């Protein structure tokens, strides 16, 4: 294996700067767990973050080996127990056992040349009331610095406020970098940094699509998801207005998610669809990482209608009656349209916890004509969602959906 990579921080007249082997390194990365490391590198990223050492499919070493093969550096996540999952930070023995397990992981991977930062836990403040979690984070960071003097430490927060930063300043002063995770609210980050009291280096360790907790909802409580074109435009605006201007303090960012997952819908946060096709947000990140757009661009959706209404119009249908749906997209040639109806997700999880994919309701499409369909509303009353995927011949998919409610 190649020699150990050393990461460090300096502060000069330009602000904070991350150094990797003594050379400036601005993080242009993505959160990645199961998707293609090779493709991430091919689109111009220089780093990715994980959420745990062993993701269940690859060991930490295998992840780092593949990253090194393609020239990427890694912020290696360390799984730290969450209070919202039942862990008690007043349990001294449980906290000590956790520290010992983490020590074993650090000792096993500390010399890997792809490693640059240890990410201690993820959103440990979410639904948390016991401040001793930050004492535990500090002890983990101190242990890492003793075992591995060559790499930096951070912890990732869900949101940011003055009291939280004060808690971390007091209880976890050993961490080198603070990481923050904001979605639609990332636009407030430049203003937040002026008031929250964090004077050290910063990473935006998750940002991206407007969260399902931030959007408008239908009358029956279904969150309204932005289509793939709106998401792409917001990625570009959020990066250029909120992340790039913070270079004096921010040493880079990891966009969420280089992959795909079910989180209220299967399309809410991922760069890829369930079948692995690329979406328009990938075009934007390619541009931001390379300074030029990719040669091929994704199809763009401008509007989706069901029964002549948009998702914001509280679409209510009568059971088993027929309704037209249409999607408007550019370009208009050489496209394939795929439609499906799923029950509305009943998930109440937060923080990215595992969700079940809702049931698909088959045989509702009566007829299809390019960008239009005639569909029968389901026979059972309740909440559903109509999805459309517009696929081109270069493995790209534009997507949109409309939640609707069926009444008798």
Protein backbone atom coordinates (compact mmCIF):
# COMPACT_ATOMS: atom_id res chain seq x y z
CA UNK A 1 0.00 0.00 0.00
CA UNK A 2 1.10 3.59 -0.63
CA UNK A 3 2.34 5.76 2.20
CA UNK A 4 -0.05 7.28 4.75
CA UNK A 5 -1.87 10.44 3.67
CA UNK A 6 -1.59 13.26 6.20
CA UNK A 7 -4.36 15.84 6.51
CA UNK A 8 -4.09 19.09 8.42
CA UNK A 9 -5.65 22.53 8.78
CA UNK A 10 -4.02 25.92 8.51
CA UNK A 11 -5.41 29.38 9.02
CA UNK A 12 -3.98 32.25 7.00
CA UNK A 13 -5.11 35.59 5.62
CA UNK A 14 -7.56 33.76 3.31
CA UNK A 15 -9.14 31.82 6.16
CA UNK A 16 -9.05 28.10 6.86
CA UNK A 17 -7.50 25.70 4.40
CA UNK A 18 -7.44 21.92 4.38
CA UNK A 19 -4.08 20.48 3.43
CA UNK A 20 -3.62 16.91 2.20
CA UNK A 21 0.03 15.94 2.20
CA UNK A 22 0.86 19.63 2.51
CA UNK A 23 -1.13 20.69 -0.57
CA UNK A 24 -4.39 22.70 -0.54
CA UNK A 25 -7.43 20.46 -0.91
CA UNK A 26 -10.93 21.92 -1.29
CA UNK A 27 -13.52 19.17 -0.85
CA UNK A 28 -15.72 18.65 -3.91
CA UNK A 29 -17.59 15.57 -2.86
CA UNK A 30 -20.75 13.59 -2.29
CA UNK A 31 -22.21 11.31 0.30
CA UNK A 32 -21.81 7.78 -1.03
CA UNK A 33 -22.57 4.35 0.35
CA UNK A 34 -23.51 1.84 -2.34
CA UNK A 35 -23.17 3.68 -5.66
CA UNK A 36 -20.35 3.87 -8.20
CA UNK A 37 -17.11 5.31 -6.85
CA UNK A 38 -15.64 5.18 -10.36
CA UNK A 39 -18.50 7.25 -11.81
CA UNK A 40 -18.19 9.83 -9.02
CA UNK A 41 -14.53 10.29 -9.88
CA UNK A 42 -15.31 10.46 -13.60
CA UNK A 43 -17.62 13.42 -13.00
CA UNK A 44 -14.92 15.44 -11.25
CA UNK A 45 -15.38 14.85 -7.53
CA UNK A 46 -12.26 14.53 -5.40
CA UNK A 47 -13.77 13.02 -2.24
CA UNK A 48 -16.75 11.25 -0.72
CA UNK A 49 -18.06 10.66 2.77
CA UNK A 50 -19.55 7.54 4.32
CA UNK A 51 -21.80 7.16 7.37
CA UNK A 52 -20.22 4.04 8.84
CA UNK A 53 -17.06 1.96 8.58
CA UNK A 54 -18.80 -1.20 7.35
CA UNK A 55 -21.89 -0.56 5.22
CA UNK A 56 -22.99 -4.20 5.16
CA UNK A 57 -21.83 -4.76 1.59
CA UNK A 58 -18.22 -3.61 1.77
CA UNK A 59 -15.78 -3.37 4.63
CA UNK A 60 -14.18 -0.04 5.40
CA UNK A 61 -10.94 -1.24 3.88
CA UNK A 62 -12.67 -2.29 0.66
CA UNK A 63 -14.31 1.14 0.38
CA UNK A 64 -11.00 2.90 0.96
CA UNK A 65 -9.19 0.61 -1.48
CA UNK A 66 -11.68 1.43 -4.24
CA UNK A 67 -11.52 5.14 -3.46
CA UNK A 68 -7.72 5.03 -3.71
CA UNK A 69 -7.91 3.17 -7.00
CA UNK A 70 -9.80 6.11 -8.52
CA UNK A 71 -7.89 8.89 -6.79
CA UNK A 72 -10.58 9.91 -4.28
CA UNK A 73 -10.12 10.87 -0.64
CA UNK A 74 -12.57 9.76 2.04
CA UNK A 75 -14.21 11.22 5.10
CA UNK A 76 -14.80 7.89 6.82
CA UNK A 77 -17.95 7.83 8.89
CA UNK A 78 -17.95 6.26 12.33
CA UNK A 79 -21.26 4.87 13.54
CA UNK A 80 -22.05 6.45 16.92
CA UNK A 81 -25.20 5.36 18.76
CA UNK A 82 -28.12 7.79 18.73
CA UNK A 83 -30.34 8.71 21.63
CA UNK A 84 -33.38 8.59 19.33
CA UNK A 85 -32.67 4.88 18.81
CA UNK A 86 -32.61 4.22 22.55
CA UNK A 87 -28.93 4.67 23.48
CA UNK A 88 -28.39 6.12 26.96
CA UNK A 89 -25.39 8.42 27.30
CA UNK A 90 -25.76 8.21 31.09
CA UNK A 91 -24.80 4.52 30.82
CA UNK A 92 -21.07 4.75 31.52
CA UNK A 93 -20.31 1.16 30.57
CA UNK A 94 -22.19 1.33 27.27
CA UNK A 95 -20.33 4.53 26.36
CA UNK A 96 -17.00 2.91 27.25
CA UNK A 97 -17.81 -0.20 25.19
CA UNK A 98 -18.68 1.97 22.21
CA UNK A 99 -15.39 3.84 22.50
CA UNK A 100 -13.46 0.57 22.54
CA UNK A 101 -15.23 -0.72 19.43
CA UNK A 102 -14.52 2.52 17.59
CA UNK A 103 -10.86 2.30 18.63
CA UNK A 104 -10.61 -1.07 16.88
CA UNK A 105 -12.03 0.40 13.66
CA UNK A 106 -9.67 3.36 13.78
CA UNK A 107 -6.62 1.18 14.42
CA UNK A 108 -7.56 -1.03 11.46
CA UNK A 109 -7.90 1.81 8.92
CA UNK A 110 -5.75 4.69 10.17
CA UNK A 111 -2.85 4.08 7.78
CA UNK A 112 -4.90 3.90 4.59
CA UNK A 113 -3.75 6.46 1.95
CA UNK A 114 -7.35 7.33 0.90
CA UNK A 115 -8.35 8.46 4.39
CA UNK A 116 -8.35 12.19 5.25
CA UNK A 117 -11.05 12.79 7.91
CA UNK A 118 -12.92 10.77 10.53
CA UNK A 119 -16.63 11.66 10.73
CA UNK A 120 -17.72 10.95 14.31
CA UNK A 121 -21.42 10.14 14.23
CA UNK A 122 -24.19 11.63 12.14
CA UNK A 123 -26.84 14.07 13.34
CA UNK A 124 -26.39 13.08 16.97
CA UNK A 125 -28.36 16.19 17.94
CA UNK A 126 -31.51 15.05 16.13
CA UNK A 127 -34.26 14.30 18.71
CA UNK A 128 -31.57 14.31 21.40
CA UNK A 129 -31.78 15.83 24.89
CA UNK A 130 -28.72 14.46 26.71
CA UNK A 131 -25.71 16.77 26.17
CA UNK A 132 -23.35 14.02 27.33
CA UNK A 133 -23.35 12.78 23.76
CA UNK A 134 -20.88 15.59 23.00
CA UNK A 135 -18.61 14.45 25.83
CA UNK A 136 -18.59 11.06 24.17
CA UNK A 137 -17.80 12.67 20.81
CA UNK A 138 -14.91 14.52 22.44
CA UNK A 139 -13.55 11.30 23.97
CA UNK A 140 -13.74 9.59 20.58
CA UNK A 141 -11.91 12.49 18.94
CA UNK A 142 -9.20 12.45 21.63
CA UNK A 143 -8.77 8.70 21.17
CA UNK A 144 -8.48 9.13 17.40
CA UNK A 145 -5.84 11.81 17.75
CA UNK A 146 -3.86 9.52 20.07
CA UNK A 147 -4.15 6.47 17.81
CA UNK A 148 -4.02 8.34 14.50
CA UNK A 149 -2.15 11.67 14.57
CA UNK A 150 -2.31 11.99 10.76
CA UNK A 151 -6.01 12.65 10.26
CA UNK A 152 -8.63 15.18 11.29
CA UNK A 153 -11.92 14.68 13.10
CA UNK A 154 -15.39 16.16 12.70
CA UNK A 155 -18.99 15.52 13.71
CA UNK A 156 -22.02 16.21 11.50
CA UNK A 157 -24.97 18.18 12.87
CA UNK A 158 -28.58 18.31 11.73
CA UNK A 159 -28.99 22.05 11.35
CA UNK A 160 -27.14 24.73 13.27
CA UNK A 161 -27.94 27.16 16.06
CA UNK A 162 -26.13 29.19 18.68
CA UNK A 163 -26.97 26.97 21.68
CA UNK A 164 -25.85 23.82 19.86
CA UNK A 165 -22.54 25.36 18.88
CA UNK A 166 -22.04 26.57 22.46
CA UNK A 167 -22.63 23.00 23.70
CA UNK A 168 -20.04 21.62 21.30
CA UNK A 169 -17.53 24.36 22.06
CA UNK A 170 -17.82 23.47 25.74
CA UNK A 171 -18.10 19.68 25.64
CA UNK A 172 -16.26 18.65 22.44
CA UNK A 173 -13.37 21.08 21.95
CA UNK A 174 -11.13 18.33 20.59
CA UNK A 175 -12.85 18.07 17.20
CA UNK A 176 -10.95 19.78 14.38
CA UNK A 177 -13.84 20.68 12.06
CA UNK A 178 -17.56 21.22 12.50
CA UNK A 179 -19.83 19.69 9.86
CA UNK A 180 -23.36 20.88 9.20
CA UNK A 181 -26.25 19.36 7.24
CA UNK A 182 -28.84 21.65 5.69
CA UNK A 183 -31.13 21.18 2.69
CA UNK A 184 -33.55 23.93 1.65
CA UNK A 185 -32.26 25.88 4.65
CA UNK A 186 -28.67 25.84 3.37
CA UNK A 187 -29.43 29.24 1.85
CA UNK A 188 -29.37 30.63 5.40
CA UNK A 189 -25.88 29.30 6.14
CA UNK A 190 -23.87 32.48 5.39
CA UNK A 191 -26.09 34.43 7.79
CA UNK A 192 -26.04 31.64 10.39
CA UNK A 193 -22.26 31.53 10.49
CA UNK A 194 -22.19 35.17 11.57
CA UNK A 195 -24.24 34.49 14.70
CA UNK A 196 -23.80 30.89 15.87
CA UNK A 197 -20.36 31.33 17.41
CA UNK A 198 -18.34 28.71 15.53
CA UNK A 199 -14.98 30.21 14.62
CA UNK A 200 -13.26 27.09 13.32
CA UNK A 201 -13.26 25.29 9.98
CA UNK A 202 -16.56 24.08 8.52
CA UNK A 203 -17.72 21.33 6.14
CA UNK A 204 -21.22 21.18 4.67
CA UNK A 205 -21.47 17.41 4.99
CA UNK A 206 -24.98 17.07 3.54
CA UNK A 207 -26.92 19.45 1.30
CA UNK A 208 -29.16 19.00 -1.71
CA UNK A 209 -32.87 18.73 -2.48
CA UNK A 210 -35.42 20.55 -0.36
CA UNK A 211 -36.31 18.14 2.43
CA UNK A 212 -39.72 16.52 2.80
CA UNK A 213 -39.93 18.30 6.19
CA UNK A 214 -39.45 21.70 4.46
CA UNK A 215 -41.96 21.55 1.59
CA UNK A 216 -45.66 22.31 1.35
CA UNK A 217 -48.04 19.43 1.98
CA UNK A 218 -51.40 18.44 0.57
CA UNK A 219 -54.57 18.74 2.63
CA UNK A 220 -54.09 15.10 3.69
CA UNK A 221 -50.46 15.60 4.69
CA UNK A 222 -48.50 14.29 1.69
CA UNK A 223 -45.26 16.23 1.10
CA UNK A 224 -45.01 17.77 -2.38
CA UNK A 225 -41.78 16.79 -4.10
CA UNK A 226 -40.05 19.07 -6.59
CA UNK A 227 -39.52 17.61 -10.07
CA UNK A 228 -36.02 16.80 -11.30
CA UNK A 229 -35.57 20.09 -13.17
CA UNK A 230 -36.56 22.25 -10.20
CA UNK A 231 -34.17 20.24 -8.04
CA UNK A 232 -31.32 20.73 -10.50
CA UNK A 233 -31.87 24.48 -10.61
CA UNK A 234 -31.97 24.66 -6.81
CA UNK A 235 -28.70 22.71 -6.47
CA UNK A 236 -26.95 25.24 -8.68
CA UNK A 237 -28.45 28.23 -6.86
CA UNK A 238 -27.74 26.84 -3.39
CA UNK A 239 -24.13 26.02 -4.09
CA UNK A 240 -23.32 29.34 -5.74
CA UNK A 241 -25.17 31.48 -3.19
CA UNK A 242 -24.57 29.66 0.08
CA UNK A 243 -21.57 27.31 -0.07
CA UNK A 244 -19.09 28.88 -2.48
CA UNK A 245 -19.17 32.29 -0.73
CA UNK A 246 -18.05 30.71 2.56
CA UNK A 247 -14.58 29.67 1.39
CA UNK A 248 -12.85 31.58 4.19
CA UNK A 249 -14.31 29.16 6.72
CA UNK A 250 -15.79 26.32 4.67
CA UNK A 251 -13.23 23.80 3.41
CA UNK A 252 -15.69 22.04 1.11
CA UNK A 253 -18.92 20.08 0.93
CA UNK A 254 -20.52 16.70 0.33
CA UNK A 255 -23.75 16.80 -1.69
CA UNK A 256 -26.44 14.24 -0.80
CA UNK A 257 -26.87 11.54 -2.22
CA UNK A 258 -24.60 9.88 -4.77
CA UNK A 259 -26.85 6.87 -4.98
CA UNK A 260 -30.55 6.14 -4.43
CA UNK A 261 -32.72 5.50 -1.41
CA UNK A 262 -36.33 5.45 -0.31
CA UNK A 263 -37.07 8.49 1.83
CA UNK A 264 -40.77 9.36 1.52
CA UNK A 265 -40.31 8.67 -2.21
CA UNK A 266 -37.67 6.76 -4.15
CA UNK A 267 -36.60 9.92 -6.01
CA UNK A 268 -36.44 12.53 -3.28
CA UNK A 269 -32.71 12.68 -2.58
CA UNK A 270 -30.77 10.40 -4.93
CA UNK A 271 -28.72 11.24 -8.00
CA UNK A 272 -29.95 8.00 -9.57
CA UNK A 273 -33.28 6.22 -9.99
CA UNK A 274 -34.02 2.78 -8.58
CA UNK A 275 -32.86 1.19 -11.83
CA UNK A 276 -29.58 3.13 -11.79
CA UNK A 277 -30.32 5.81 -14.38
CA UNK A 278 -28.84 9.30 -13.98
CA UNK A 279 -30.87 12.40 -13.14
CA UNK A 280 -30.43 16.09 -13.88
CA UNK A 281 -28.78 17.01 -10.58
CA UNK A 282 -25.77 15.04 -11.78
CA UNK A 283 -25.39 17.53 -14.67
CA UNK A 284 -25.28 20.38 -12.18
CA UNK A 285 -22.63 18.80 -9.97
CA UNK A 286 -20.56 17.95 -13.05
CA UNK A 287 -20.67 21.65 -13.93
CA UNK A 288 -19.79 22.77 -10.41
CA UNK A 289 -16.90 20.30 -10.12
CA UNK A 290 -15.48 20.88 -13.61
CA UNK A 291 -16.50 24.39 -14.65
CA UNK A 292 -18.27 23.12 -17.75
CA UNK A 293 -21.46 21.21 -18.51
CA UNK A 294 -21.32 17.57 -19.61
CA UNK A 295 -21.57 16.89 -23.34
CA UNK A 296 -24.97 15.23 -22.88
CA UNK A 297 -27.70 16.88 -20.81
CA UNK A 298 -30.67 15.28 -19.09
CA UNK A 299 -34.25 15.77 -20.29
CA UNK A 300 -36.03 18.58 -18.43
CA UNK A 301 -39.59 18.48 -17.11
CA UNK A 302 -41.48 21.77 -17.09
CA UNK A 303 -44.86 20.59 -15.84
CA UNK A 304 -46.84 17.53 -14.78
CA UNK A 305 -50.64 17.57 -14.56
CA UNK A 306 -53.21 15.07 -13.30
CA UNK A 307 -56.86 15.85 -13.99
CA UNK A 308 -55.59 19.23 -15.23
CA UNK A 309 -54.07 20.01 -11.84
CA UNK A 310 -50.58 20.29 -10.40
CA UNK A 311 -49.40 18.67 -7.19
CA UNK A 312 -50.05 21.85 -5.22
CA UNK A 313 -53.73 21.79 -6.20
CA UNK A 314 -54.82 19.00 -3.79
CA UNK A 315 -55.80 16.50 -6.47
CA UNK A 316 -58.84 14.46 -5.38
CA UNK A 317 -60.16 11.69 -7.65
CA UNK A 318 -63.21 9.44 -7.60
CA UNK A 319 -62.54 5.72 -7.19
CA UNK A 320 -62.28 3.76 -10.47
CA UNK A 321 -63.03 6.76 -12.69
CA UNK A 322 -60.66 7.61 -15.55
CA UNK A 323 -58.39 10.67 -15.58
CA UNK A 324 -55.77 12.10 -17.92
CA UNK A 325 -52.21 12.80 -16.85
CA UNK A 326 -49.66 14.67 -18.93
CA UNK A 327 -46.03 15.66 -18.57
CA UNK A 328 -44.27 18.40 -20.53
CA UNK A 329 -40.61 17.82 -21.22
CA UNK A 330 -37.76 18.98 -23.47
CA UNK A 331 -36.40 17.72 -25.72
CA UNK A 332 -39.44 15.90 -27.09
CA UNK A 333 -37.80 13.29 -29.31
CA UNK A 334 -36.31 9.86 -28.61
CA UNK A 335 -37.84 9.61 -25.16
CA UNK A 336 -39.51 6.76 -23.32
CA UNK A 337 -42.21 7.41 -20.71
CA UNK A 338 -42.81 5.18 -17.71
CA UNK A 339 -45.68 5.72 -15.29
CA UNK A 340 -46.57 4.07 -12.00
CA UNK A 341 -48.95 4.53 -9.08
CA UNK A 342 -47.87 3.78 -5.52
CA UNK A 343 -49.64 4.12 -2.22
CA UNK A 344 -48.53 7.18 -0.31
CA UNK A 345 -45.71 6.48 2.12
CA UNK A 346 -46.79 6.18 5.75
CA UNK A 347 -43.22 6.51 7.03
CA UNK A 348 -42.60 8.65 10.08
CA UNK A 349 -38.85 8.02 10.32
CA UNK A 350 -36.39 10.90 10.41
CA UNK A 351 -32.68 11.39 9.92
CA UNK A 352 -32.50 9.04 6.95
CA UNK A 353 -33.59 5.95 8.90
CA UNK A 354 -34.62 2.95 6.80
CA UNK A 355 -38.05 3.14 5.14
CA UNK A 356 -40.18 0.59 3.31
CA UNK A 357 -41.04 1.23 -0.35
CA UNK A 358 -44.84 1.69 -0.61
CA UNK A 359 -46.95 -0.81 -2.52
CA UNK A 360 -47.33 -0.32 -6.28
CA UNK A 361 -50.89 -0.50 -7.60
CA UNK A 362 -50.77 -2.31 -10.97
CA UNK A 363 -53.01 -2.22 -14.04
CA UNK A 364 -54.30 1.34 -13.65
CA UNK A 365 -52.97 2.72 -16.95
CA UNK A 366 -55.76 2.47 -19.53
CA UNK A 367 -53.90 3.97 -22.52
CA UNK A 368 -50.64 5.75 -23.29
CA UNK A 369 -49.80 8.27 -26.01
CA UNK A 370 -46.25 9.59 -25.72
CA UNK A 371 -46.38 12.10 -22.86
CA UNK A 372 -50.05 11.46 -21.96
CA UNK A 373 -51.87 8.65 -20.24
CA UNK A 374 -55.40 7.79 -19.29
CA UNK A 375 -55.51 6.11 -15.89
CA UNK A 376 -58.16 4.66 -13.65
CA UNK A 377 -58.13 5.86 -10.08
CA UNK A 378 -57.62 3.00 -7.58
CA UNK A 379 -60.77 1.41 -6.24
CA UNK A 380 -59.78 1.74 -2.58
CA UNK A 381 -60.09 5.21 -1.02
CA UNK A 382 -56.90 6.69 0.38
CA UNK A 383 -53.68 8.50 -0.45
CA UNK A 384 -51.60 7.62 -3.54
CA UNK A 385 -48.92 9.12 -5.75
CA UNK A 386 -48.53 9.06 -9.55
CA UNK A 387 -44.94 8.97 -10.81
CA UNK A 388 -43.56 9.60 -14.28
CA UNK A 389 -40.05 8.79 -15.49
CA UNK A 390 -38.94 10.25 -18.82
CA UNK A 391 -35.96 8.32 -20.11
CA UNK A 392 -33.60 9.17 -22.97
CA UNK A 393 -31.20 6.95 -24.89
CA UNK A 394 -28.15 8.03 -22.87
CA UNK A 395 -29.27 6.52 -19.56
CA UNK A 396 -30.77 9.73 -18.13
CA UNK A 397 -34.18 10.05 -16.48
CA UNK A 398 -36.26 13.13 -15.71
CA UNK A 399 -38.86 12.50 -13.02
CA UNK A 400 -41.90 14.04 -11.34
CA UNK A 401 -44.80 12.92 -9.22
CA UNK A 402 -48.18 14.10 -8.00
CA UNK A 403 -49.78 12.96 -4.73
CA UNK A 404 -53.54 12.42 -5.02
CA UNK A 405 -56.38 11.27 -2.82
CA UNK A 406 -59.10 8.83 -3.84
CA UNK A 407 -62.58 9.17 -2.41
CA UNK A 408 -65.56 6.94 -2.94
